[in-house]
Amino acid sequence: MSEWLRSIPQLPSPLVLGDVYYLASDQGGLVTTISASTGERIAKARVGDAGDAYFTSPVAGDGKVYLLGESGVLTVLRAGGLEELHRADFGEACFATPALVDDSVWIRTDGHLYRLGARR
C-alpha cells in the first residue's frame, strides 16, 4: 500500500486539477499532491498555519489553489504544485469551503463574510 493512502483526509474533498490530486489533511496542515495518471505521490508539505486543520475543501481558479484552514488562514498556492503565493489570516475559525464566483473569492468565517476581488 502506498504511504499516502494511510493519510487520506476524512473531511475535505480532494481537488483534481489537471493531472494533480490535492489532498488537504484534517490535522497537521499537510497537503499532499498525487499524480492522477500514475497514483504516485508528487509532493507533501505543511502549508498555511503550522499544525492547522483543513475541514474545508481546496478549490482552484485562475491558476491558483485556495486552502482555508480552521484557524482562518487562507493559503494560495500556484496550481500544479505546493508553491505558496500568498497567505492571509482572517483571525477567526473557518469551516466553510471558499466559493469562487466570477472574479471573486468568497470566504465565510465564524462571524463574517468576505468578498475578495476587484471593485465593481
Protein backbone atom coordinates (compact mmCIF):
# COMPACT_ATOMS: atom_id res chain seq x y z
CA MET A 1 0.00 0.00 0.00
CA SER A 2 1.33 3.45 -0.88
CA GLU A 3 2.35 5.63 2.06
CA TRP A 4 -0.07 8.42 1.04
CA LEU A 5 -3.05 6.05 1.25
CA ARG A 6 -2.60 5.84 5.04
CA SER A 7 -3.22 9.58 5.42
CA ILE A 8 -6.24 10.19 3.19
CA PRO A 9 -8.31 13.08 4.62
CA GLN A 10 -11.63 12.19 6.23
CA LEU A 11 -13.44 15.54 5.81
CA PRO A 12 -12.19 17.77 2.97
CA SER A 13 -12.90 16.56 -0.54
CA PRO A 14 -9.86 16.16 -2.79
CA LEU A 15 -9.33 18.62 -5.61
CA VAL A 16 -8.42 17.31 -9.05
CA LEU A 17 -6.68 19.89 -11.21
CA GLY A 18 -5.30 18.61 -14.49
CA ASP A 19 -3.22 15.56 -13.61
CA VAL A 20 -2.82 16.52 -9.94
CA TYR A 21 -4.90 15.45 -6.94
CA TYR A 22 -4.69 17.83 -3.95
CA LEU A 23 -5.40 16.19 -0.57
CA ALA A 24 -5.63 18.55 2.43
CA SER A 25 -5.20 16.85 5.81
CA ASP A 26 -7.82 17.11 8.54
CA GLN A 27 -4.99 17.70 11.04
CA GLY A 28 -1.43 18.97 10.91
CA GLY A 29 -1.62 21.41 7.98
CA LEU A 30 -0.35 18.83 5.50
CA VAL A 31 -1.19 18.91 1.81
CA THR A 32 -0.26 16.01 -0.46
CA THR A 33 -0.23 16.10 -4.25
CA ILE A 34 -0.71 12.85 -6.19
CA SER A 35 -0.36 12.19 -9.90
CA ALA A 36 -3.81 11.31 -11.23
CA SER A 37 -2.34 9.24 -14.06
CA THR A 38 0.20 7.19 -12.08
CA GLY A 39 -1.07 7.33 -8.48
CA GLU A 40 2.39 8.30 -7.26
CA ARG A 41 2.94 10.99 -4.67
CA ILE A 42 4.34 14.19 -6.19
CA ALA A 43 4.90 16.23 -3.03
CA LYS A 44 3.84 16.58 0.60
CA ALA A 45 4.31 19.71 2.70
CA ARG A 46 2.90 21.75 5.54
CA VAL A 47 1.09 24.79 4.20
CA GLY A 48 -0.66 27.68 5.88
CA ASP A 49 -0.58 27.91 9.64
CA ALA A 50 1.65 25.12 11.03
CA GLY A 51 -0.47 22.39 12.58
CA ASP A 52 -3.74 23.80 11.23
CA ALA A 53 -6.65 21.51 10.34
CA TYR A 54 -8.41 21.59 6.98
CA PHE A 55 -12.13 20.93 7.25
CA THR A 56 -12.83 22.92 4.07
CA SER A 57 -12.06 21.52 0.63
CA PRO A 58 -9.40 23.03 -1.61
CA VAL A 59 -10.72 24.97 -4.62
CA ALA A 60 -8.98 26.23 -7.77
CA GLY A 61 -9.31 29.11 -10.19
CA ASP A 62 -7.16 31.50 -12.20
CA GLY A 63 -4.13 29.21 -11.97
CA LYS A 64 -4.26 29.09 -8.17
CA VAL A 65 -5.32 26.64 -5.43
CA TYR A 66 -7.04 28.08 -2.35
CA LEU A 67 -6.82 26.33 1.03
CA LEU A 68 -8.67 27.69 4.06
CA GLY A 69 -7.64 26.31 7.45
CA GLU A 70 -9.75 26.01 10.57
CA SER A 71 -7.74 28.82 12.21
CA GLY A 72 -8.80 31.26 9.49
CA VAL A 73 -5.60 31.24 7.45
CA LEU A 74 -6.14 31.29 3.68
CA THR A 75 -3.18 29.94 1.71
CA VAL A 76 -2.95 30.47 -2.03
CA LEU A 77 -0.74 28.06 -3.99
CA ARG A 78 0.41 28.12 -7.60
CA ALA A 79 -1.63 25.46 -9.45
CA GLY A 80 0.27 22.28 -10.21
CA GLY A 81 2.38 22.26 -7.05
CA LEU A 82 2.73 23.47 -3.48
CA GLU A 83 4.46 26.82 -4.06
CA GLU A 84 2.87 29.39 -1.75
CA LEU A 85 1.91 32.63 -3.49
CA HIS A 86 0.03 34.38 -0.69
CA ARG A 87 -1.27 33.94 2.84
CA ALA A 88 -3.99 35.89 4.68
CA ASP A 89 -5.14 35.46 8.28
CA PHE A 90 -8.82 36.24 8.90
CA GLY A 91 -8.41 35.84 12.66
CA GLU A 92 -11.38 33.58 13.34
CA ALA A 93 -12.43 29.99 12.76
CA CYS A 94 -13.44 28.85 9.27
CA PHE A 95 -15.35 25.70 8.40
CA ALA A 96 -16.87 26.69 5.02
CA THR A 97 -15.16 25.96 1.72
CA PRO A 98 -14.30 29.17 -0.20
CA ALA A 99 -16.60 29.90 -3.13
CA LEU A 100 -15.24 31.13 -6.47
CA VAL A 101 -17.79 33.25 -8.31
CA ASP A 102 -16.90 35.25 -11.44
CA ASP A 103 -13.69 37.10 -10.49
CA SER A 104 -14.22 36.89 -6.72
CA VAL A 105 -13.34 34.58 -3.86
CA TRP A 106 -15.95 34.45 -1.09
CA ILE A 107 -14.76 33.50 2.41
CA ARG A 108 -17.14 32.80 5.31
CA THR A 109 -15.61 32.84 8.76
CA ASP A 110 -17.35 32.28 12.09
CA GLY A 111 -18.60 35.86 12.15
CA HIS A 112 -18.03 37.47 8.75
CA LEU A 113 -18.48 37.08 5.00
CA TYR A 114 -15.67 38.43 2.82
CA ARG A 115 -15.54 39.04 -0.92
CA LEU A 116 -12.02 39.19 -2.35
CA GLY A 117 -11.64 40.63 -5.83
CA ALA A 118 -11.55 43.82 -7.86
CA ARG A 119 -14.01 46.56 -7.00
CA ARG A 120 -17.05 46.63 -9.23
